Amino acid sequence: MDFALLADGRLLFICLLAGVVSMLTTLNVAARPAAVKTKQVALALAVSSIFFMFTRFANLFYLPILGSYVDKAVRTGAVDVLYTQIQWVVIGSALGALMSWLMLPTFCAIYERGIVGVQSRGSMVRVLLGLPTWRGIKALFGCWRSPLNLRGWTAGSGRIKGSFLVWNVCATAIWTVGALCALYVSAAIPRLEATAVLLSGLVNSFAAIAFAIFVDPKAAVITDQTVQGQRPEQDVQAMTFWLGAGNFLGAMLGLGVFPIGITMIKWATLKLGQTSMSENMWLVIGLNMLTALLMLTSLSSRVSAVITKKVATSLAIYNVFFLITRLATQVYAPILGAVRDSVINGSASAAELLPLFRWVVWAATAGTILGWLLIPTFVEIYNRAITALENRGGAMAKLLKDLLRPRYWLSILHCLRAPSLFGVSRSDVAAMPKGFLLANTLVVGIHVIGVLSAILAGAQLSGHLARTATLLSSIINGVATILASILVDPTAAHITDQCVHDKRPVNHINIMVVWLAGTSLAGTLLSQLLLQPSSQLIVLCAQALDWLFHFL
């Protein structure tokens, strides 16, 4: 490691932001003790998404700034210096994870206060608006807990099996370096820079697999069992303690995973660069349709959570479906990058991209309609999967292995149900907050065109601005995440928890699901209108950041 590089103030700033991203991301584990104390599992997990929202802002700044180092490496050929600079960023992430572990007691207290605030005020927006006030600041400082309190969190360690904790360390290592590996490869193969940048998901998808199959289901079962009094509260505290420690160890292990990720992304970049644009686009259209279909299964998970009273387990199973959508997204995003690279290299015209991308958006509309029709089927699949997962002690890998056996296929076919509106009528919308449904329309409309608009913007620019525009897909998706985290997810989680605890009629969950599905469909239609303006917004942001970089 070259310590002389730390004399660069901009690199130190990037390392600091990487630490903030790591800290806020890994602090999601603190949501589980808060869920146990408040008995509001869905709402606790929704509040945790606020921390993820802040990481989107930090990523928005430090990855494009790091992209300027990539441009310098391309110009000078000094990719070995870039390699060391990225290693320092990984160390910054590890220090952020260490800080998050030490602050677990404090953030558990913040989670609890946030959950109570949403319950009393009925809106996450009102809670956030109250934070800048004297009362809000005083409440935050009142949540401070000494890191020494962690010493009592290990009491239930003997009842926590260690295998999923090891998987957490490995998955965190991969997650830490995914985007950084892709940036390095974009410098090593500059003619395919967009393909390489968008292939960060190839590395991150391995982490998502480990989290969704080996880590989250175990943690969810332990959480649900504790909420229902089947386990002592110390078990969740011990689990949280070791998950937090594992995030720090995993981030440090990322230094060893870094060269492996580079090798994988180089291979995939070269392979994708050899395929034709027409072949790529048909694959993207199919994958985007599948992604939209599976994303709608999150609604089925909420119905099953109310039916089974197993909220955390239901959401953990949804994460497996989300994993599949993530894998599909991480396959088609770099394919779209390859399409953009073909434009930059002169083998295709930028004018061809907009009509092709509109077909990709129509595929999302078709997938949403199909997903809406399959909601009753997925509710039954969730119900059976929750029971099966509990019978296997939260071992998702065993459940998935069993599904590969032909004798289990018939049971899946038995889950088929006719499309249904669950008896919901147009007038039932009065039971739902109107702003919540309108916000979902906007969130879906923005999210569908996040990557597409960034690539359209990159095709209109050249040189380092094209890479910056590609990295700035987080502007569009970041806005969608912010709106979902503040306006949609907390309200949906609150309604789910109320139905679970019989504070709302059970049919309210059906009303919510049907209307969220309808507004999701409206959102995909809205995305057709937003596609071109969003690409122009990213062009302006790339130019503005380029101007800002000269002063950093």
Protein backbone atom coordinates (compact mmCIF):
# COMPACT_ATOMS: atom_id res chain seq x y z
CA MET A 1 0.00 0.00 0.00
CA ASP A 2 1.32 3.42 -0.99
CA PHE A 3 0.62 5.81 1.91
CA ALA A 4 1.82 8.75 -0.20
CA LEU A 5 -1.43 8.55 -2.17
CA LEU A 6 -3.31 9.69 0.94
CA ALA A 7 -1.78 13.13 0.48
CA ASP A 8 -4.47 13.58 -2.19
CA GLY A 9 -7.37 15.31 -0.41
CA ARG A 10 -9.86 14.17 -3.03
CA LEU A 11 -8.93 10.51 -2.49
CA LEU A 12 -9.38 10.97 1.26
CA PHE A 13 -12.80 12.46 0.59
CA ILE A 14 -13.74 9.42 -1.51
CA CYS A 15 -12.55 7.06 1.25
CA LEU A 16 -14.67 8.98 3.76
CA LEU A 17 -17.77 8.70 1.60
CA ALA A 18 -17.10 4.98 1.06
CA GLY A 19 -16.96 4.59 4.84
CA VAL A 20 -20.29 6.41 5.24
CA VAL A 21 -21.89 4.16 2.60
CA SER A 22 -20.58 1.06 4.34
CA MET A 23 -21.66 2.28 7.78
CA LEU A 24 -25.23 3.12 6.78
CA THR A 25 -25.63 -0.05 4.72
CA THR A 26 -24.44 -2.45 7.40
CA LEU A 27 -26.47 -0.73 10.12
CA ASN A 28 -29.57 -2.37 8.62
CA VAL A 29 -28.87 -5.29 10.98
CA ALA A 30 -29.90 -3.04 13.88
CA ALA A 31 -33.48 -3.17 12.60
CA ARG A 32 -33.97 -6.69 13.94
CA PRO A 33 -33.55 -5.95 17.68
CA ALA A 34 -35.81 -2.93 17.17
CA ALA A 35 -38.40 -5.16 15.49
CA VAL A 36 -38.36 -7.50 18.50
CA LYS A 37 -38.73 -4.69 21.04
CA THR A 38 -41.57 -2.93 19.20
CA LYS A 39 -43.24 -6.04 17.69
CA GLN A 40 -43.49 -4.07 14.41
CA VAL A 41 -41.38 -6.22 12.09
CA ALA A 42 -42.46 -4.87 8.70
CA LEU A 43 -42.25 -1.25 9.87
CA ALA A 44 -38.81 -1.79 11.43
CA LEU A 45 -37.45 -3.17 8.16
CA ALA A 46 -39.05 -0.27 6.26
CA VAL A 47 -37.40 2.29 8.55
CA SER A 48 -34.05 0.59 7.91
CA SER A 49 -34.43 1.44 4.23
CA ILE A 50 -33.96 5.12 5.15
CA PHE A 51 -30.30 4.39 5.87
CA PHE A 52 -30.02 2.74 2.47
CA MET A 53 -31.51 5.89 0.95
CA PHE A 54 -28.62 7.96 2.32
CA THR A 55 -26.11 5.51 0.84
CA ARG A 56 -27.59 6.24 -2.58
CA PHE A 57 -26.60 9.90 -2.17
CA ALA A 58 -23.05 9.00 -1.12
CA ASN A 59 -22.67 6.58 -4.03
CA LEU A 60 -23.93 9.31 -6.34
CA PHE A 61 -20.88 11.41 -5.39
CA TYR A 62 -17.95 9.11 -4.74
CA LEU A 63 -18.25 6.72 -7.71
CA PRO A 64 -18.32 9.52 -10.33
CA ILE A 65 -15.45 11.28 -8.51
CA LEU A 66 -13.50 8.02 -8.53
CA GLY A 67 -14.30 7.88 -12.24
CA SER A 68 -12.02 10.88 -12.74
CA TYR A 69 -9.14 8.73 -11.46
CA VAL A 70 -10.15 6.11 -14.03
CA ASP A 71 -9.93 8.73 -16.79
CA LYS A 72 -6.45 9.71 -15.61
CA ALA A 73 -5.36 6.07 -15.60
CA VAL A 74 -6.62 5.69 -19.19
CA ARG A 75 -4.74 8.79 -20.33
CA THR A 76 -1.47 7.95 -18.58
CA GLY A 77 -1.60 4.16 -18.66
CA ALA A 78 -0.95 4.10 -14.88
CA VAL A 79 -3.60 1.50 -14.02
CA ASP A 80 -1.34 0.15 -11.25
CA VAL A 81 -1.76 3.47 -9.38
CA LEU A 82 -5.54 3.22 -9.83
CA TYR A 83 -5.40 -0.28 -8.33
CA THR A 84 -3.81 1.05 -5.13
CA GLN A 85 -6.17 4.02 -4.96
CA ILE A 86 -9.14 1.63 -5.05
CA GLN A 87 -7.56 -0.48 -2.29
CA TRP A 88 -7.62 2.60 -0.05
CA VAL A 89 -11.32 3.05 -0.84
CA VAL A 90 -11.92 -0.56 0.28
CA ILE A 91 -10.14 0.18 3.55
CA GLY A 92 -12.37 3.23 3.99
CA SER A 93 -15.40 0.95 3.59
CA ALA A 94 -14.01 -1.41 6.23
CA LEU A 95 -13.55 1.41 8.73
CA GLY A 96 -17.14 2.50 8.12
CA ALA A 97 -18.33 -1.05 8.83
CA LEU A 98 -16.32 -1.05 12.06
CA MET A 99 -17.98 2.20 13.13
CA SER A 100 -21.42 0.77 12.38
CA TRP A 101 -20.69 -2.24 14.59
CA LEU A 102 -19.63 -0.04 17.50
CA MET A 103 -22.77 2.09 17.13
CA LEU A 104 -25.25 -0.81 17.01
CA PRO A 105 -26.80 0.04 20.44
CA THR A 106 -27.31 3.66 19.38
CA PHE A 107 -28.89 2.80 16.07
CA CYS A 108 -31.18 0.22 17.64
CA ALA A 109 -32.47 3.04 19.87
CA ILE A 110 -32.91 5.30 16.80
CA TYR A 111 -34.86 2.57 15.03
CA GLU A 112 -37.16 2.16 18.00
CA ARG A 113 -37.75 5.92 18.21
CA GLY A 114 -38.42 6.06 14.45
CA ILE A 115 -40.96 3.22 14.60
CA VAL A 116 -42.83 4.87 17.46
CA GLY A 117 -42.74 8.17 15.54
CA VAL A 118 -44.28 6.65 12.40
CA GLN A 119 -46.98 4.97 14.49
CA SER A 120 -47.89 8.17 16.33
CA ARG A 121 -47.63 10.57 13.38
CA GLY A 122 -48.87 8.15 10.72
CA SER A 123 -46.24 9.19 8.16
CA MET A 124 -42.50 8.87 7.62
CA VAL A 125 -42.53 12.31 5.99
CA ARG A 126 -43.75 13.93 9.22
CA VAL A 127 -41.07 12.11 11.21
CA LEU A 128 -38.31 13.31 8.88
CA LEU A 129 -39.62 16.88 8.85
CA GLY A 130 -39.43 16.85 12.64
CA LEU A 131 -35.74 15.90 12.72
CA PRO A 132 -34.29 19.42 12.01
CA THR A 133 -36.28 20.88 14.92
CA TRP A 134 -34.83 21.33 18.42
CA ARG A 135 -37.09 18.58 19.69
CA GLY A 136 -35.97 16.23 16.91
CA ILE A 137 -32.26 16.90 17.48
CA LYS A 138 -32.72 16.40 21.22
CA ALA A 139 -34.47 13.07 20.56
CA LEU A 140 -31.58 11.89 18.36
CA PHE A 141 -28.98 12.73 20.99
CA GLY A 142 -31.17 10.97 23.53
CA CYS A 143 -30.69 7.75 21.54
CA TRP A 144 -26.94 7.68 22.22
CA ARG A 145 -25.78 4.42 23.78
CA SER A 146 -22.21 3.56 24.73
CA PRO A 147 -20.45 0.94 22.53
CA LEU A 148 -19.58 -0.76 25.84
CA ASN A 149 -23.20 -1.94 25.90
CA LEU A 150 -22.23 -4.44 23.19
CA ARG A 151 -20.56 -6.60 25.85
CA GLY A 152 -23.96 -7.82 26.97
CA TRP A 153 -25.09 -8.68 23.42
CA THR A 154 -23.23 -11.98 23.24
CA ALA A 155 -25.31 -13.76 25.90
CA GLY A 156 -27.27 -15.83 23.35
CA SER A 157 -24.32 -16.70 21.10
CA GLY A 158 -24.40 -20.38 22.06
CA ARG A 159 -27.85 -20.77 20.48
CA ILE A 160 -26.84 -19.15 17.15
CA LYS A 161 -25.42 -21.54 14.56
CA GLY A 162 -22.34 -20.03 12.92
CA SER A 163 -22.69 -21.16 9.29
CA PHE A 164 -24.87 -18.24 8.14
CA LEU A 165 -22.54 -15.81 9.94
CA VAL A 166 -19.62 -17.11 7.85
CA TRP A 167 -21.70 -16.63 4.71
CA ASN A 168 -22.35 -13.04 5.81
CA VAL A 169 -18.60 -12.35 5.96
CA CYS A 170 -18.04 -13.78 2.47
CA ALA A 171 -21.02 -11.99 0.94
CA THR A 172 -19.95 -8.66 2.44
CA ALA A 173 -16.47 -9.07 0.97
CA ILE A 174 -17.92 -9.52 -2.51
CA TRP A 175 -20.44 -6.69 -2.09
CA THR A 176 -17.74 -4.24 -0.98
CA VAL A 177 -15.69 -4.48 -4.17
CA GLY A 178 -18.27 -5.09 -6.94
CA ALA A 179 -18.52 -1.57 -8.38
CA LEU A 180 -14.83 -0.89 -7.70
CA CYS A 181 -13.77 -3.93 -9.76
CA ALA A 182 -15.93 -2.70 -12.63
CA LEU A 183 -14.38 0.78 -12.55
CA TYR A 184 -10.90 -0.70 -12.69
CA VAL A 185 -11.79 -2.87 -15.70
CA SER A 186 -13.28 0.17 -17.48
CA ALA A 187 -9.76 1.66 -17.31
CA ALA A 188 -8.09 -1.57 -18.46
CA ILE A 189 -10.50 -1.95 -21.45
CA PRO A 190 -11.54 1.64 -22.27
CA ARG A 191 -13.21 0.77 -25.59
CA LEU A 192 -15.84 -1.20 -23.63
CA GLU A 193 -16.08 1.12 -20.65
CA ALA A 194 -19.90 1.21 -20.32
CA THR A 195 -20.10 -2.58 -20.52
CA ALA A 196 -17.48 -2.89 -17.79
CA VAL A 197 -19.03 -0.27 -15.50
CA LEU A 198 -22.47 -1.87 -15.65
CA LEU A 199 -21.00 -5.33 -15.01
CA SER A 200 -20.47 -4.46 -11.35
CA GLY A 201 -23.65 -6.43 -10.79
CA LEU A 202 -21.92 -9.60 -11.97
CA VAL A 203 -19.81 -9.51 -8.83
CA ASN A 204 -22.53 -8.13 -6.56
CA SER A 205 -24.99 -10.80 -7.66
CA PHE A 206 -22.87 -13.45 -5.94
CA ALA A 207 -23.20 -11.48 -2.71
CA ALA A 208 -26.95 -11.16 -3.25
CA ILE A 209 -27.21 -14.94 -3.68
CA ALA A 210 -25.40 -15.55 -0.41
CA PHE A 211 -27.47 -12.98 1.50
CA ALA A 212 -30.82 -14.15 0.13
CA ILE A 213 -30.21 -17.89 0.52
CA PHE A 214 -27.84 -18.33 3.46
CA VAL A 215 -28.10 -15.20 5.64
CA ASP A 216 -31.48 -13.40 5.50
CA PRO A 217 -33.78 -16.46 5.91
CA LYS A 218 -31.94 -17.62 9.05
CA ALA A 219 -32.04 -14.11 10.50
CA ALA A 220 -35.75 -13.80 9.60
CA VAL A 221 -36.74 -17.07 11.27
CA ILE A 222 -34.84 -16.12 14.44
CA THR A 223 -36.56 -12.70 14.42
CA ASP A 224 -40.06 -14.13 13.94
CA GLN A 225 -39.52 -16.82 16.59
CA THR A 226 -38.33 -14.19 19.07
CA VAL A 227 -41.28 -11.87 18.35
CA GLN A 228 -43.64 -14.80 19.01
CA GLY A 229 -41.91 -15.72 22.26
CA GLN A 230 -40.35 -18.96 21.00
CA ARG A 231 -36.80 -17.65 21.57
CA PRO A 232 -35.28 -15.32 24.19
CA GLU A 233 -34.55 -11.74 23.11
CA GLN A 234 -30.83 -12.31 23.71
CA ASP A 235 -30.72 -14.53 20.59
CA VAL A 236 -31.55 -11.61 18.29
CA GLN A 237 -29.03 -9.38 20.06
CA ALA A 238 -26.31 -12.03 19.69
CA MET A 239 -27.19 -12.51 16.02
CA THR A 240 -27.01 -8.76 15.42
CA PHE A 241 -23.68 -8.52 17.25
CA TRP A 242 -22.04 -11.17 15.07
CA LEU A 243 -23.61 -9.93 11.83
CA GLY A 244 -22.21 -6.46 12.56
CA ALA A 245 -18.75 -7.85 13.33
CA GLY A 246 -18.93 -9.96 10.17
CA ASN A 247 -19.60 -6.88 8.06
CA PHE A 248 -16.29 -5.37 9.21
CA LEU A 249 -14.36 -8.60 8.63
CA GLY A 250 -15.99 -9.02 5.24
CA ALA A 251 -15.10 -5.50 4.15
CA MET A 252 -11.44 -6.16 5.01
CA LEU A 253 -11.62 -9.48 3.15
CA GLY A 254 -12.69 -7.45 0.11
CA LEU A 255 -9.02 -6.61 -0.46
CA GLY A 256 -8.46 -10.28 -1.31
CA VAL A 257 -11.62 -10.57 -3.42
CA PHE A 258 -10.73 -7.48 -5.48
CA PRO A 259 -8.36 -9.19 -8.00
CA ILE A 260 -10.79 -12.12 -8.43
CA GLY A 261 -13.63 -9.73 -9.26
CA ILE A 262 -11.45 -7.92 -11.79
CA THR A 263 -10.71 -11.19 -13.58
CA MET A 264 -14.40 -12.12 -13.77
CA ILE A 265 -15.52 -8.72 -15.06
CA LYS A 266 -12.74 -8.62 -17.69
CA TRP A 267 -13.88 -11.98 -19.06
CA ALA A 268 -17.56 -10.98 -19.15
CA THR A 269 -16.79 -7.57 -20.70
CA LEU A 270 -14.90 -9.12 -23.60
CA LYS A 271 -17.61 -11.74 -24.15
CA LEU A 272 -20.42 -9.18 -24.27
CA GLY A 273 -18.40 -6.94 -26.55
CA GLN A 274 -18.46 -9.68 -29.21
CA THR A 275 -22.28 -9.97 -29.47
CA SER A 276 -24.45 -8.03 -31.93
CA MET A 277 -26.84 -5.25 -30.91
CA SER A 278 -29.97 -7.03 -32.21
CA GLU A 279 -29.19 -10.21 -30.25
CA ASN A 280 -28.61 -8.15 -27.12
CA MET A 281 -31.88 -6.20 -27.33
CA TRP A 282 -34.16 -9.24 -27.60
CA LEU A 283 -32.53 -10.68 -24.50
CA VAL A 284 -32.96 -7.36 -22.65
CA ILE A 285 -36.67 -7.18 -23.57
CA GLY A 286 -37.28 -10.70 -22.24
CA LEU A 287 -35.33 -10.12 -19.04
CA ASN A 288 -37.04 -6.80 -18.33
CA MET A 289 -40.43 -8.46 -18.65
CA LEU A 290 -39.35 -11.15 -16.17
CA THR A 291 -37.98 -8.51 -13.80
CA ALA A 292 -41.24 -6.54 -13.75
CA LEU A 293 -43.23 -9.74 -13.15
CA LEU A 294 -41.13 -10.87 -10.20
CA MET A 295 -40.92 -7.41 -8.62
CA LEU A 296 -44.69 -7.51 -8.22
CA THR A 297 -44.38 -10.63 -6.03
CA SER A 298 -43.48 -8.28 -3.17
CA LEU A 299 -47.21 -7.58 -2.95
CA SER A 300 -47.98 -11.29 -2.58
CA SER A 301 -45.46 -11.48 0.26
CA ARG A 302 -47.45 -8.92 2.26
CA VAL A 303 -50.69 -10.88 1.88
CA SER A 304 -48.90 -14.04 3.04
CA ALA A 305 -47.36 -12.15 5.96
CA VAL A 306 -50.85 -11.30 7.20
CA ILE A 307 -52.22 -14.81 6.60
CA THR A 308 -49.34 -16.63 8.32
CA LYS A 309 -48.36 -13.93 10.87
CA LYS A 310 -44.72 -14.57 9.83
CA VAL A 311 -43.68 -11.14 8.57
CA ALA A 312 -39.88 -11.44 8.59
CA THR A 313 -39.93 -14.94 7.07
CA SER A 314 -42.31 -13.81 4.33
CA LEU A 315 -40.03 -10.88 3.45
CA ALA A 316 -36.98 -13.19 3.48
CA ILE A 317 -38.65 -15.46 0.93
CA TYR A 318 -39.48 -12.44 -1.19
CA ASN A 319 -35.76 -11.65 -1.16
CA VAL A 320 -35.20 -14.83 -3.17
CA PHE A 321 -37.58 -13.57 -5.85
CA PHE A 322 -35.87 -10.19 -5.62
CA LEU A 323 -32.56 -12.01 -6.09
CA ILE A 324 -33.79 -13.42 -9.38
CA THR A 325 -34.87 -9.95 -10.53
CA ARG A 326 -31.51 -8.57 -9.45
CA LEU A 327 -29.69 -11.23 -11.45
CA ALA A 328 -31.83 -10.43 -14.49
CA THR A 329 -31.14 -6.71 -14.04
CA GLN A 330 -27.41 -7.31 -13.64
CA VAL A 331 -27.40 -9.33 -16.86
CA TYR A 332 -29.32 -6.86 -19.02
CA ALA A 333 -27.71 -3.66 -17.65
CA PRO A 334 -24.24 -4.51 -19.03
CA ILE A 335 -25.86 -5.76 -22.24
CA LEU A 336 -27.35 -2.28 -22.59
CA GLY A 337 -23.88 -0.95 -21.86
CA ALA A 338 -22.54 -3.03 -24.75
CA VAL A 339 -25.23 -1.49 -26.96
CA ARG A 340 -24.01 1.99 -25.95
CA ASP A 341 -20.39 1.01 -26.59
CA SER A 342 -21.37 -0.13 -30.10
CA VAL A 343 -22.73 3.39 -30.69
CA ILE A 344 -19.58 5.04 -29.36
CA ASN A 345 -17.38 2.74 -31.47
CA GLY A 346 -19.33 3.66 -34.62
CA SER A 347 -21.01 0.30 -35.35
CA ALA A 348 -24.49 1.68 -34.58
CA SER A 349 -26.32 5.03 -34.50
CA ALA A 350 -27.40 6.85 -31.34
CA ALA A 351 -30.74 7.55 -33.05
CA GLU A 352 -31.46 3.80 -32.98
CA LEU A 353 -31.41 3.63 -29.20
CA LEU A 354 -34.57 5.54 -28.23
CA PRO A 355 -37.10 3.38 -30.15
CA LEU A 356 -35.33 0.21 -28.99
CA PHE A 357 -35.42 1.37 -25.37
CA ARG A 358 -39.14 2.11 -25.66
CA TRP A 359 -39.68 -1.57 -26.47
CA VAL A 360 -37.79 -2.41 -23.28
CA VAL A 361 -40.21 -0.21 -21.32
CA TRP A 362 -43.23 -1.87 -23.00
CA ALA A 363 -41.80 -5.19 -21.83
CA ALA A 364 -41.97 -3.89 -18.25
CA THR A 365 -45.64 -3.04 -18.80
CA ALA A 366 -46.36 -6.55 -20.08
CA GLY A 367 -44.47 -8.11 -17.15
CA THR A 368 -46.45 -5.99 -14.65
CA ILE A 369 -49.77 -7.12 -16.16
CA LEU A 370 -48.70 -10.77 -16.01
CA GLY A 371 -47.46 -10.34 -12.44
CA TRP A 372 -50.81 -8.80 -11.43
CA LEU A 373 -52.66 -11.80 -12.86
CA LEU A 374 -50.39 -14.20 -10.94
CA ILE A 375 -50.72 -12.52 -7.50
CA PRO A 376 -53.13 -15.21 -6.12
CA THR A 377 -50.76 -17.95 -7.32
CA PHE A 378 -47.77 -16.32 -5.66
CA VAL A 379 -49.71 -15.85 -2.41
CA GLU A 380 -50.20 -19.62 -2.25
CA ILE A 381 -46.53 -20.20 -3.13
CA TYR A 382 -45.48 -17.88 -0.29
CA ASN A 383 -47.82 -19.59 2.19
CA ARG A 384 -46.34 -23.00 1.45
CA ALA A 385 -42.77 -21.72 1.31
CA ILE A 386 -43.08 -20.07 4.75
CA THR A 387 -44.21 -23.36 6.30
CA ALA A 388 -41.48 -25.31 4.49
CA LEU A 389 -38.78 -22.85 5.51
CA GLU A 390 -39.77 -22.97 9.17
CA ASN A 391 -39.76 -26.78 9.07
CA ARG A 392 -36.16 -26.59 7.82
CA GLY A 393 -35.08 -24.14 10.54
CA GLY A 394 -34.62 -21.26 8.10
CA ALA A 395 -32.32 -23.23 5.77
CA MET A 396 -33.23 -21.66 2.41
CA ALA A 397 -30.55 -23.69 0.63
CA LYS A 398 -32.27 -26.94 1.68
CA LEU A 399 -35.62 -25.64 0.48
CA LEU A 400 -34.23 -24.66 -2.93
CA LYS A 401 -32.43 -28.00 -3.21
CA ASP A 402 -35.70 -29.84 -2.54
CA LEU A 403 -37.42 -27.84 -5.28
CA LEU A 404 -34.99 -29.35 -7.79
CA ARG A 405 -36.48 -32.79 -7.15
CA PRO A 406 -39.31 -33.78 -9.58
CA ARG A 407 -41.61 -34.96 -6.77
CA TYR A 408 -41.89 -31.37 -5.52
CA TRP A 409 -42.80 -29.93 -8.91
CA LEU A 410 -46.39 -31.16 -8.67
CA SER A 411 -46.86 -29.26 -5.41
CA ILE A 412 -45.84 -26.06 -7.19
CA LEU A 413 -48.44 -26.71 -9.90
CA HIS A 414 -51.03 -27.14 -7.14
CA CYS A 415 -50.37 -23.50 -6.20
CA LEU A 416 -51.90 -22.24 -9.45
CA ARG A 417 -54.89 -20.00 -8.77
CA ALA A 418 -57.20 -18.06 -11.08
CA PRO A 419 -56.55 -14.31 -11.37
CA SER A 420 -58.51 -12.42 -8.75
CA LEU A 421 -59.12 -8.96 -7.33
CA PHE A 422 -59.77 -10.52 -3.88
CA GLY A 423 -63.24 -8.98 -3.87
CA VAL A 424 -61.82 -5.44 -4.00
CA SER A 425 -64.01 -2.82 -5.66
CA ARG A 426 -63.26 0.67 -6.94
CA SER A 427 -64.82 2.29 -3.86
CA ASP A 428 -62.46 0.40 -1.52
CA VAL A 429 -59.65 2.77 -2.48
CA ALA A 430 -61.06 5.12 0.20
CA ALA A 431 -59.42 2.86 2.82
CA MET A 432 -55.93 3.68 1.47
CA PRO A 433 -53.92 6.94 1.73
CA LYS A 434 -54.13 8.58 -1.71
CA GLY A 435 -50.63 10.09 -1.61
CA PHE A 436 -49.18 6.66 -0.94
CA LEU A 437 -50.73 5.23 -4.14
CA LEU A 438 -49.75 8.24 -6.27
CA ALA A 439 -46.20 8.00 -4.97
CA ASN A 440 -46.03 4.34 -6.01
CA THR A 441 -46.98 5.34 -9.57
CA LEU A 442 -44.13 7.84 -9.66
CA VAL A 443 -41.63 5.46 -8.05
CA VAL A 444 -42.28 2.72 -10.61
CA GLY A 445 -42.27 5.21 -13.48
CA ILE A 446 -38.84 6.49 -12.47
CA HIS A 447 -37.33 3.11 -11.59
CA VAL A 448 -38.15 1.45 -14.92
CA ILE A 449 -36.07 3.93 -16.93
CA GLY A 450 -33.11 4.48 -14.53
CA VAL A 451 -30.44 2.53 -16.42
CA LEU A 452 -32.00 3.19 -19.84
CA SER A 453 -31.90 6.97 -19.47
CA ALA A 454 -28.30 6.89 -18.19
CA ILE A 455 -27.18 4.92 -21.24
CA LEU A 456 -29.08 7.25 -23.57
CA ALA A 457 -27.26 10.15 -21.92
CA GLY A 458 -23.90 8.40 -22.26
CA ALA A 459 -24.50 7.89 -25.99
CA GLN A 460 -24.90 11.67 -26.39
CA LEU A 461 -21.59 12.44 -24.67
CA SER A 462 -17.97 11.53 -25.27
CA GLY A 463 -14.82 10.84 -23.28
CA HIS A 464 -14.94 10.92 -19.49
CA LEU A 465 -18.40 12.53 -19.52
CA ALA A 466 -19.85 9.37 -21.09
CA ARG A 467 -18.54 7.25 -18.19
CA THR A 468 -19.82 9.78 -15.65
CA ALA A 469 -23.27 9.70 -17.27
CA THR A 470 -23.34 5.90 -17.11
CA LEU A 471 -22.40 5.96 -13.42
CA LEU A 472 -25.12 8.53 -12.80
CA SER A 473 -27.91 6.01 -13.36
CA SER A 474 -28.04 6.28 -9.56
CA ILE A 475 -29.56 9.78 -9.96
CA ILE A 476 -32.74 8.34 -11.47
CA ASN A 477 -32.86 5.17 -9.38
CA GLY A 478 -31.82 7.17 -6.32
CA VAL A 479 -34.87 9.43 -6.66
CA ALA A 480 -37.07 6.33 -6.94
CA THR A 481 -35.44 4.81 -3.85
CA ILE A 482 -35.91 8.00 -1.84
CA LEU A 483 -39.59 8.23 -2.74
CA ALA A 484 -40.15 4.54 -2.03
CA SER A 485 -38.31 4.73 1.30
CA ILE A 486 -40.24 7.77 2.50
CA LEU A 487 -43.67 7.61 0.87
CA VAL A 488 -44.39 3.98 -0.09
CA ASP A 489 -42.57 1.33 1.96
CA PRO A 490 -43.26 2.71 5.48
CA THR A 491 -46.98 3.08 4.77
CA ALA A 492 -47.21 -0.40 3.22
CA ALA A 493 -45.29 -1.86 6.17
CA HIS A 494 -47.48 0.00 8.70
CA ILE A 495 -50.67 -1.31 7.07
CA THR A 496 -49.19 -4.83 7.01
CA ASP A 497 -48.30 -4.71 10.72
CA GLN A 498 -51.74 -3.32 11.59
CA CYS A 499 -53.45 -6.17 9.72
CA VAL A 500 -51.16 -8.74 11.40
CA HIS A 501 -52.07 -7.36 14.85
CA ASP A 502 -55.81 -7.02 14.01
CA LYS A 503 -55.72 -3.23 14.22
CA ARG A 504 -57.10 -3.05 10.67
CA PRO A 505 -59.56 -5.36 8.88
CA VAL A 506 -57.74 -8.17 7.08
CA ASN A 507 -59.29 -7.20 3.75
CA HIS A 508 -57.32 -3.91 3.88
CA ILE A 509 -54.18 -5.83 2.90
CA ASN A 510 -56.04 -7.09 -0.20
CA ILE A 511 -57.18 -3.56 -1.03
CA MET A 512 -53.61 -2.28 -0.68
CA VAL A 513 -52.16 -5.03 -2.89
CA VAL A 514 -54.71 -4.61 -5.68
CA TRP A 515 -54.30 -0.83 -5.82
CA LEU A 516 -50.51 -1.00 -5.61
CA ALA A 517 -50.55 -3.40 -8.55
CA GLY A 518 -52.77 -1.01 -10.50
CA THR A 519 -50.59 2.00 -9.78
CA SER A 520 -47.49 -0.03 -10.69
CA LEU A 521 -49.02 -0.63 -14.11
CA ALA A 522 -49.74 3.09 -14.43
CA GLY A 523 -46.13 3.76 -13.45
CA THR A 524 -44.75 1.70 -16.35
CA LEU A 525 -46.90 3.77 -18.74
CA LEU A 526 -45.62 6.98 -17.12
CA SER A 527 -42.04 5.82 -17.70
CA GLN A 528 -42.58 6.15 -21.47
CA LEU A 529 -43.07 9.89 -20.93
CA LEU A 530 -40.09 10.19 -18.56
CA LEU A 531 -37.50 8.29 -20.63
CA GLN A 532 -36.19 11.09 -22.86
CA PRO A 533 -36.41 13.95 -20.28
CA SER A 534 -34.53 11.78 -17.78
CA SER A 535 -31.66 11.23 -20.20
CA GLN A 536 -31.40 15.00 -20.71
CA LEU A 537 -31.34 15.50 -16.93
CA ILE A 538 -28.43 13.07 -16.63
CA VAL A 539 -26.54 14.88 -19.39
CA LEU A 540 -26.90 18.13 -17.42
CA CYS A 541 -25.85 16.43 -14.17
CA ALA A 542 -22.78 14.87 -15.80
CA GLN A 543 -21.71 18.27 -17.10
CA ALA A 544 -22.36 19.87 -13.69
CA LEU A 545 -20.32 17.23 -11.86
CA ASP A 546 -17.51 17.62 -14.39
CA TRP A 547 -17.44 21.34 -13.55
CA LEU A 548 -17.53 20.55 -9.82
CA PHE A 549 -14.66 18.04 -10.04
CA HIS A 550 -12.30 20.83 -11.08
CA PHE A 551 -12.73 22.39 -7.63
CA LEU A 552 -12.18 19.18 -5.60
